[in-house]
Amino acid sequence: MEIADYKLQKMLTAAAELGAINALKKAGIMQKDELSQREAFRRFGEANVRRWRLMGKLKRIKLGDRNAKVTYSLTELETISQSEKL
């Protein structure tokens, strides 16, 4: 299967962007990597976020008791979203 030049360029650009985000996160330069559940639903679609969780692709972050705010990693969400687009 041959990949068109523009598609290959798009894939490489997306991979580079995600790599840069992960490097910033690991280096501690990127301070805020969490999105509230509401913001994740708004940016990526509620159905997508729920589907990714059910598939085990996405983990929710919930610190504290059962009434604690649910958040998601922006890096994880971006990675999953980009991988589905390719």
PDB file of N, CA and C in Angstrom:
ATOM      1  N   MET A   1       0.848  -1.175   0.000  1.00  0.00           N
ATOM      2  CA  MET A   1       0.000   0.000   0.000  1.00  0.00           C
ATOM      3  C   MET A   1       0.897   1.244   0.000  1.00  0.00           C
ATOM      4  N   GLU A   2       0.689   2.098  -0.945  1.00  0.00           N
ATOM      5  CA  GLU A   2       1.491   3.302  -1.080  1.00  0.00           C
ATOM      6  C   GLU A   2       0.804   4.466  -0.379  1.00  0.00           C
ATOM      7  N   ILE A   3       1.578   5.213   0.388  1.00  0.00           N
ATOM      8  CA  ILE A   3       1.046   6.363   1.100  1.00  0.00           C
ATOM      9  C   ILE A   3       1.374   7.617   0.297  1.00  0.00           C
ATOM     10  N   ALA A   4       0.371   8.425   0.050  1.00  0.00           N
ATOM     11  CA  ALA A   4       0.585   9.676  -0.687  1.00  0.00           C
ATOM     12  C   ALA A   4       1.499  10.593   0.128  1.00  0.00           C
ATOM     13  N   ASP A   5       2.256  11.423  -0.572  1.00  0.00           N
ATOM     14  CA  ASP A   5       3.213  12.319   0.087  1.00  0.00           C
ATOM     15  C   ASP A   5       2.560  13.211   1.128  1.00  0.00           C
ATOM     16  N   TYR A   6       1.399  13.786   0.818  1.00  0.00           N
ATOM     17  CA  TYR A   6       0.756  14.695   1.771  1.00  0.00           C
ATOM     18  C   TYR A   6       0.284  13.951   3.007  1.00  0.00           C
ATOM     19  N   LYS A   7      -0.167  12.711   2.836  1.00  0.00           N
ATOM     20  CA  LYS A   7      -0.620  11.934   3.990  1.00  0.00           C
ATOM     21  C   LYS A   7       0.573  11.564   4.871  1.00  0.00           C
ATOM     22  N   LEU A   8       1.676  11.184   4.245  1.00  0.00           N
ATOM     23  CA  LEU A   8       2.883  10.867   4.998  1.00  0.00           C
ATOM     24  C   LEU A   8       3.377  12.091   5.762  1.00  0.00           C
ATOM     25  N   GLN A   9       3.362  13.256   5.112  1.00  0.00           N
ATOM     26  CA  GLN A   9       3.775  14.489   5.766  1.00  0.00           C
ATOM     27  C   GLN A   9       2.872  14.797   6.957  1.00  0.00           C
ATOM     28  N   LYS A  10       1.583  14.602   6.792  1.00  0.00           N
ATOM     29  CA  LYS A  10       0.631  14.844   7.874  1.00  0.00           C
ATOM     30  C   LYS A  10       0.889  13.902   9.048  1.00  0.00           C
ATOM     31  N   MET A  11       1.160  12.634   8.751  1.00  0.00           N
ATOM     32  CA  MET A  11       1.432  11.650   9.796  1.00  0.00           C
ATOM     33  C   MET A  11       2.711  11.993  10.555  1.00  0.00           C
ATOM     34  N   LEU A  12       3.754  12.382   9.826  1.00  0.00           N
ATOM     35  CA  LEU A  12       5.023  12.723  10.470  1.00  0.00           C
ATOM     36  C   LEU A  12       4.908  13.989  11.313  1.00  0.00           C
ATOM     37  N   THR A  13       4.152  14.957  10.831  1.00  0.00           N
ATOM     38  CA  THR A  13       3.943  16.195  11.591  1.00  0.00           C
ATOM     39  C   THR A  13       3.197  15.903  12.894  1.00  0.00           C
ATOM     40  N   ALA A  14       2.140  15.087  12.806  1.00  0.00           N
ATOM     41  CA  ALA A  14       1.371  14.730  14.003  1.00  0.00           C
ATOM     42  C   ALA A  14       2.248  13.978  15.000  1.00  0.00           C
ATOM     43  N   ALA A  15       3.071  13.057  14.514  1.00  0.00           N
ATOM     44  CA  ALA A  15       3.961  12.298  15.395  1.00  0.00           C
ATOM     45  C   ALA A  15       4.981  13.211  16.068  1.00  0.00           C
ATOM     46  N   ALA A  16       5.515  14.170  15.319  1.00  0.00           N
ATOM     47  CA  ALA A  16       6.488  15.108  15.882  1.00  0.00           C
ATOM     48  C   ALA A  16       5.851  15.982  16.957  1.00  0.00           C
ATOM     49  N   GLU A  17       4.640  16.461  16.698  1.00  0.00           N
ATOM     50  CA  GLU A  17       3.941  17.298  17.684  1.00  0.00           C
ATOM     51  C   GLU A  17       3.676  16.527  18.965  1.00  0.00           C
ATOM     52  N   LEU A  18       3.206  15.290  18.830  1.00  0.00           N
ATOM     53  CA  LEU A  18       2.933  14.482  20.014  1.00  0.00           C
ATOM     54  C   LEU A  18       4.223  14.152  20.768  1.00  0.00           C
ATOM     55  N   GLY A  19       5.281  13.907  20.036  1.00  0.00           N
ATOM     56  CA  GLY A  19       6.575  13.654  20.670  1.00  0.00           C
ATOM     57  C   GLY A  19       7.070  14.856  21.452  1.00  0.00           C
ATOM     58  N   ALA A  20       6.886  16.036  20.881  1.00  0.00           N
ATOM     59  CA  ALA A  20       7.298  17.265  21.569  1.00  0.00           C
ATOM     60  C   ALA A  20       6.479  17.478  22.843  1.00  0.00           C
ATOM     61  N   ILE A  21       5.178  17.237  22.764  1.00  0.00           N
ATOM     62  CA  ILE A  21       4.319  17.383  23.943  1.00  0.00           C
ATOM     63  C   ILE A  21       4.752  16.415  25.036  1.00  0.00           C
ATOM     64  N   ASN A  22       5.018  15.162  24.665  1.00  0.00           N
ATOM     65  CA  ASN A  22       5.457  14.168  25.652  1.00  0.00           C
ATOM     66  C   ASN A  22       6.796  14.542  26.266  1.00  0.00           C
ATOM     67  N   ALA A  23       7.713  15.072  25.458  1.00  0.00           N
ATOM     68  CA  ALA A  23       9.019  15.483  25.976  1.00  0.00           C
ATOM     69  C   ALA A  23       8.879  16.642  26.963  1.00  0.00           C
ATOM     70  N   LEU A  24       8.037  17.621  26.635  1.00  0.00           N
ATOM     71  CA  LEU A  24       7.801  18.742  27.543  1.00  0.00           C
ATOM     72  C   LEU A  24       7.184  18.274  28.855  1.00  0.00           C
ATOM     73  N   LYS A  25       6.274  17.339  28.750  1.00  0.00           N
ATOM     74  CA  LYS A  25       5.609  16.797  29.945  1.00  0.00           C
ATOM     75  C   LYS A  25       6.623  16.074  30.833  1.00  0.00           C
ATOM     76  N   LYS A  26       7.448  15.224  30.234  1.00  0.00           N
ATOM     77  CA  LYS A  26       8.435  14.469  31.005  1.00  0.00           C
ATOM     78  C   LYS A  26       9.502  15.372  31.617  1.00  0.00           C
ATOM     79  N   ALA A  27       9.839  16.457  30.936  1.00  0.00           N
ATOM     80  CA  ALA A  27      10.852  17.388  31.437  1.00  0.00           C
ATOM     81  C   ALA A  27      10.296  18.308  32.524  1.00  0.00           C
ATOM     82  N   GLY A  28       8.982  18.284  32.720  1.00  0.00           N
ATOM     83  CA  GLY A  28       8.366  19.125  33.731  1.00  0.00           C
ATOM     84  C   GLY A  28       8.124  20.545  33.273  1.00  0.00           C
ATOM     85  N   ILE A  29       8.323  20.807  31.990  1.00  0.00           N
ATOM     86  CA  ILE A  29       8.128  22.152  31.451  1.00  0.00           C
ATOM     87  C   ILE A  29       6.650  22.426  31.218  1.00  0.00           C
ATOM     88  N   MET A  30       5.947  21.418  30.795  1.00  0.00           N
ATOM     89  CA  MET A  30       4.509  21.554  30.560  1.00  0.00           C
ATOM     90  C   MET A  30       3.801  21.291  31.888  1.00  0.00           C
ATOM     91  N   GLN A  31       3.324  22.348  32.495  1.00  0.00           N
ATOM     92  CA  GLN A  31       2.767  22.243  33.836  1.00  0.00           C
ATOM     93  C   GLN A  31       1.374  21.629  33.863  1.00  0.00           C
ATOM     94  N   LYS A  32       0.494  22.126  33.018  1.00  0.00           N
ATOM     95  CA  LYS A  32      -0.891  21.668  33.076  1.00  0.00           C
ATOM     96  C   LYS A  32      -1.180  20.700  31.934  1.00  0.00           C
ATOM     97  N   ASP A  33      -1.354  19.442  32.293  1.00  0.00           N
ATOM     98  CA  ASP A  33      -1.644  18.426  31.288  1.00  0.00           C
ATOM     99  C   ASP A  33      -3.053  17.862  31.474  1.00  0.00           C
ATOM    100  N   GLU A  34      -3.756  18.319  32.500  1.00  0.00           N
ATOM    101  CA  GLU A  34      -5.067  17.744  32.783  1.00  0.00           C
ATOM    102  C   GLU A  34      -6.197  18.638  32.302  1.00  0.00           C
ATOM    103  N   LEU A  35      -7.229  17.982  31.786  1.00  0.00           N
ATOM    104  CA  LEU A  35      -8.464  18.658  31.390  1.00  0.00           C
ATOM    105  C   LEU A  35      -9.594  18.119  32.238  1.00  0.00           C
ATOM    106  N   SER A  36     -10.531  18.984  32.589  1.00  0.00           N
ATOM    107  CA  SER A  36     -11.712  18.496  33.290  1.00  0.00           C
ATOM    108  C   SER A  36     -12.500  17.603  32.337  1.00  0.00           C
ATOM    109  N   GLN A  37     -13.340  16.775  32.897  1.00  0.00           N
ATOM    110  CA  GLN A  37     -14.167  15.892  32.068  1.00  0.00           C
ATOM    111  C   GLN A  37     -15.039  16.708  31.123  1.00  0.00           C
ATOM    112  N   ARG A  38     -15.589  17.789  31.610  1.00  0.00           N
ATOM    113  CA  ARG A  38     -16.443  18.645  30.784  1.00  0.00           C
ATOM    114  C   ARG A  38     -15.673  19.217  29.593  1.00  0.00           C
ATOM    115  N   GLU A  39     -14.448  19.686  29.852  1.00  0.00           N
ATOM    116  CA  GLU A  39     -13.627  20.242  28.777  1.00  0.00           C
ATOM    117  C   GLU A  39     -13.204  19.146  27.788  1.00  0.00           C
ATOM    118  N   ALA A  40     -12.884  17.960  28.298  1.00  0.00           N
ATOM    119  CA  ALA A  40     -12.532  16.840  27.412  1.00  0.00           C
ATOM    120  C   ALA A  40     -13.709  16.486  26.505  1.00  0.00           C
ATOM    121  N   PHE A  41     -14.914  16.450  27.072  1.00  0.00           N
ATOM    122  CA  PHE A  41     -16.114  16.174  26.270  1.00  0.00           C
ATOM    123  C   PHE A  41     -16.300  17.254  25.201  1.00  0.00           C
ATOM    124  N   ARG A  42     -16.068  18.508  25.577  1.00  0.00           N
ATOM    125  CA  ARG A  42     -16.262  19.612  24.635  1.00  0.00           C
ATOM    126  C   ARG A  42     -15.257  19.550  23.490  1.00  0.00           C
ATOM    127  N   ARG A  43     -13.997  19.298  23.820  1.00  0.00           N
ATOM    128  CA  ARG A  43     -12.944  19.311  22.796  1.00  0.00           C
ATOM    129  C   ARG A  43     -12.938  18.074  21.905  1.00  0.00           C
ATOM    130  N   PHE A  44     -13.190  16.917  22.498  1.00  0.00           N
ATOM    131  CA  PHE A  44     -13.023  15.668  21.762  1.00  0.00           C
ATOM    132  C   PHE A  44     -14.326  14.911  21.519  1.00  0.00           C
ATOM    133  N   GLY A  45     -15.424  15.394  22.073  1.00  0.00           N
ATOM    134  CA  GLY A  45     -16.716  14.749  21.920  1.00  0.00           C
ATOM    135  C   GLY A  45     -16.962  13.756  23.037  1.00  0.00           C
ATOM    136  N   GLU A  46     -18.117  13.878  23.670  1.00  0.00           N
ATOM    137  CA  GLU A  46     -18.430  12.996  24.794  1.00  0.00           C
ATOM    138  C   GLU A  46     -18.414  11.534  24.380  1.00  0.00           C
ATOM    139  N   ALA A  47     -18.999  11.242  23.232  1.00  0.00           N
ATOM    140  CA  ALA A  47     -19.056   9.851  22.762  1.00  0.00           C
ATOM    141  C   ALA A  47     -17.651   9.278  22.558  1.00  0.00           C
ATOM    142  N   ASN A  48     -16.745  10.091  22.007  1.00  0.00           N
ATOM    143  CA  ASN A  48     -15.374   9.623  21.791  1.00  0.00           C
ATOM    144  C   ASN A  48     -14.669   9.332  23.106  1.00  0.00           C
ATOM    145  N   VAL A  49     -14.764  10.259  24.049  1.00  0.00           N
ATOM    146  CA  VAL A  49     -14.091  10.088  25.342  1.00  0.00           C
ATOM    147  C   VAL A  49     -14.624   8.844  26.047  1.00  0.00           C
ATOM    148  N   ARG A  50     -15.924   8.682  26.059  1.00  0.00           N
ATOM    149  CA  ARG A  50     -16.507   7.493  26.708  1.00  0.00           C
ATOM    150  C   ARG A  50     -16.083   6.207  25.990  1.00  0.00           C
ATOM    151  N   ARG A  51     -16.062   6.222  24.669  1.00  0.00           N
ATOM    152  CA  ARG A  51     -15.662   5.040  23.892  1.00  0.00           C
ATOM    153  C   ARG A  51     -14.203   4.686  24.164  1.00  0.00           C
ATOM    154  N   TRP A  52     -13.331   5.703  24.194  1.00  0.00           N
ATOM    155  CA  TRP A  52     -11.916   5.455  24.455  1.00  0.00           C
ATOM    156  C   TRP A  52     -11.713   4.867  25.846  1.00  0.00           C
ATOM    157  N   ARG A  53     -12.492   5.331  26.820  1.00  0.00           N
ATOM    158  CA  ARG A  53     -12.400   4.770  28.178  1.00  0.00           C
ATOM    159  C   ARG A  53     -12.838   3.319  28.194  1.00  0.00           C
ATOM    160  N   LEU A  54     -13.954   3.027  27.526  1.00  0.00           N
ATOM    161  CA  LEU A  54     -14.455   1.650  27.493  1.00  0.00           C
ATOM    162  C   LEU A  54     -13.483   0.708  26.782  1.00  0.00           C
ATOM    163  N   MET A  55     -12.786   1.217  25.789  1.00  0.00           N
ATOM    164  CA  MET A  55     -11.810   0.418  25.042  1.00  0.00           C
ATOM    165  C   MET A  55     -10.499   0.255  25.807  1.00  0.00           C
ATOM    166  N   GLY A  56     -10.340   0.984  26.903  1.00  0.00           N
ATOM    167  CA  GLY A  56      -9.116   0.910  27.694  1.00  0.00           C
ATOM    168  C   GLY A  56      -7.985   1.767  27.157  1.00  0.00           C
ATOM    169  N   LYS A  57      -8.272   2.638  26.200  1.00  0.00           N
ATOM    170  CA  LYS A  57      -7.249   3.513  25.627  1.00  0.00           C
ATOM    171  C   LYS A  57      -6.975   4.721  26.506  1.00  0.00           C
ATOM    172  N   LEU A  58      -7.933   5.095  27.337  1.00  0.00           N
ATOM    173  CA  LEU A  58      -7.862   6.327  28.118  1.00  0.00           C
ATOM    174  C   LEU A  58      -8.156   6.032  29.582  1.00  0.00           C
ATOM    175  N   LYS A  59      -7.323   6.599  30.452  1.00  0.00           N
ATOM    176  CA  LYS A  59      -7.542   6.453  31.888  1.00  0.00           C
ATOM    177  C   LYS A  59      -8.009   7.779  32.459  1.00  0.00           C
ATOM    178  N   ARG A  60      -8.979   7.726  33.344  1.00  0.00           N
ATOM    179  CA  ARG A  60      -9.405   8.962  33.996  1.00  0.00           C
ATOM    180  C   ARG A  60      -8.576   9.155  35.255  1.00  0.00           C
ATOM    181  N   ILE A  61      -8.416  10.402  35.616  1.00  0.00           N
ATOM    182  CA  ILE A  61      -7.663  10.759  36.813  1.00  0.00           C
ATOM    183  C   ILE A  61      -8.667  11.274  37.828  1.00  0.00           C
ATOM    184  N   LYS A  62      -8.727  10.608  38.956  1.00  0.00           N
ATOM    185  CA  LYS A  62      -9.674  11.010  39.992  1.00  0.00           C
ATOM    186  C   LYS A  62      -8.967  10.890  41.329  1.00  0.00           C
ATOM    187  N   LEU A  63      -8.592  12.022  41.877  1.00  0.00           N
ATOM    188  CA  LEU A  63      -7.904  12.052  43.154  1.00  0.00           C
ATOM    189  C   LEU A  63      -8.893  12.408  44.253  1.00  0.00           C
ATOM    190  N   GLY A  64      -8.854  11.670  45.319  1.00  0.00           N
ATOM    191  CA  GLY A  64      -9.747  11.966  46.436  1.00  0.00           C
ATOM    192  C   GLY A  64     -10.897  10.982  46.514  1.00  0.00           C
ATOM    193  N   ASP A  65     -11.967  11.434  47.156  1.00  0.00           N
ATOM    194  CA  ASP A  65     -13.121  10.559  47.379  1.00  0.00           C
ATOM    195  C   ASP A  65     -13.972  10.423  46.118  1.00  0.00           C
ATOM    196  N   ARG A  66     -15.117   9.788  46.270  1.00  0.00           N
ATOM    197  CA  ARG A  66     -15.964   9.519  45.103  1.00  0.00           C
ATOM    198  C   ARG A  66     -16.590  10.779  44.513  1.00  0.00           C
ATOM    199  N   ASN A  67     -16.573  11.873  45.248  1.00  0.00           N
ATOM    200  CA  ASN A  67     -17.110  13.137  44.750  1.00  0.00           C
ATOM    201  C   ASN A  67     -16.039  14.025  44.110  1.00  0.00           C
ATOM    202  N   ALA A  68     -14.829  13.503  44.003  1.00  0.00           N
ATOM    203  CA  ALA A  68     -13.719  14.289  43.435  1.00  0.00           C
ATOM    204  C   ALA A  68     -13.939  14.528  41.942  1.00  0.00           C
ATOM    205  N   LYS A  69     -13.365  15.609  41.473  1.00  0.00           N
ATOM    206  CA  LYS A  69     -13.463  15.992  40.066  1.00  0.00           C
ATOM    207  C   LYS A  69     -12.699  14.991  39.190  1.00  0.00           C
ATOM    208  N   VAL A  70     -13.305  14.596  38.081  1.00  0.00           N
ATOM    209  CA  VAL A  70     -12.673  13.686  37.123  1.00  0.00           C
ATOM    210  C   VAL A  70     -11.933  14.511  36.073  1.00  0.00           C
ATOM    211  N   THR A  71     -10.675  14.145  35.826  1.00  0.00           N
ATOM    212  CA  THR A  71      -9.888  14.819  34.797  1.00  0.00           C
ATOM    213  C   THR A  71      -9.263  13.765  33.894  1.00  0.00           C
ATOM    214  N   TYR A  72      -8.754  14.234  32.754  1.00  0.00           N
ATOM    215  CA  TYR A  72      -8.073  13.372  31.791  1.00  0.00           C
ATOM    216  C   TYR A  72      -6.776  14.050  31.363  1.00  0.00           C
ATOM    217  N   SER A  73      -5.810  13.259  30.933  1.00  0.00           N
ATOM    218  CA  SER A  73      -4.549  13.781  30.430  1.00  0.00           C
ATOM    219  C   SER A  73      -4.763  14.324  29.018  1.00  0.00           C
ATOM    220  N   LEU A  74      -4.416  15.586  28.825  1.00  0.00           N
ATOM    221  CA  LEU A  74      -4.530  16.197  27.506  1.00  0.00           C
ATOM    222  C   LEU A  74      -3.625  15.473  26.512  1.00  0.00           C
ATOM    223  N   THR A  75      -2.443  15.067  26.951  1.00  0.00           N
ATOM    224  CA  THR A  75      -1.515  14.359  26.080  1.00  0.00           C
ATOM    225  C   THR A  75      -2.127  13.050  25.591  1.00  0.00           C
ATOM    226  N   GLU A  76      -2.737  12.296  26.500  1.00  0.00           N
ATOM    227  CA  GLU A  76      -3.386  11.039  26.108  1.00  0.00           C
ATOM    228  C   GLU A  76      -4.514  11.295  25.128  1.00  0.00           C
ATOM    229  N   LEU A  77      -5.341  12.287  25.427  1.00  0.00           N
ATOM    230  CA  LEU A  77      -6.466  12.598  24.546  1.00  0.00           C
ATOM    231  C   LEU A  77      -5.987  12.987  23.150  1.00  0.00           C
ATOM    232  N   GLU A  78      -4.975  13.839  23.080  1.00  0.00           N
ATOM    233  CA  GLU A  78      -4.431  14.263  21.785  1.00  0.00           C
ATOM    234  C   GLU A  78      -3.853  13.074  21.021  1.00  0.00           C
ATOM    235  N   THR A  79      -3.133  12.220  21.717  1.00  0.00           N
ATOM    236  CA  THR A  79      -2.520  11.055  21.080  1.00  0.00           C
ATOM    237  C   THR A  79      -3.582  10.121  20.496  1.00  0.00           C
ATOM    238  N   ILE A  80      -4.600   9.828  21.278  1.00  0.00           N
ATOM    239  CA  ILE A  80      -5.669   8.939  20.808  1.00  0.00           C
ATOM    240  C   ILE A  80      -6.415   9.565  19.642  1.00  0.00           C
ATOM    241  N   SER A  81      -6.726  10.835  19.767  1.00  0.00           N
ATOM    242  CA  SER A  81      -7.441  11.533  18.712  1.00  0.00           C
ATOM    243  C   SER A  81      -6.652  11.541  17.398  1.00  0.00           C
ATOM    244  N   GLN A  82      -5.355  11.856  17.478  1.00  0.00           N
ATOM    245  CA  GLN A  82      -4.515  11.883  16.288  1.00  0.00           C
ATOM    246  C   GLN A  82      -4.375  10.492  15.667  1.00  0.00           C
ATOM    247  N   SER A  83      -4.248   9.472  16.507  1.00  0.00           N
ATOM    248  CA  SER A  83      -4.072   8.119  15.969  1.00  0.00           C
ATOM    249  C   SER A  83      -5.323   7.657  15.228  1.00  0.00           C
ATOM    250  N   GLU A  84      -6.491   8.101  15.681  1.00  0.00           N
ATOM    251  CA  GLU A  84      -7.723   7.731  14.979  1.00  0.00           C
ATOM    252  C   GLU A  84      -7.872   8.459  13.659  1.00  0.00           C
ATOM    253  N   LYS A  85      -7.335   9.661  13.573  1.00  0.00           N
ATOM    254  CA  LYS A  85      -7.429  10.443  12.340  1.00  0.00           C
ATOM    255  C   LYS A  85      -6.536   9.854  11.246  1.00  0.00           C
ATOM    256  N   LEU A  86      -5.456   9.187  11.664  1.00  0.00           N
ATOM    257  CA  LEU A  86      -4.520   8.618  10.688  1.00  0.00           C
ATOM    258  C   LEU A  86      -5.029   7.264  10.289  1.00  0.00           C
TER     259      LEU A  86
END
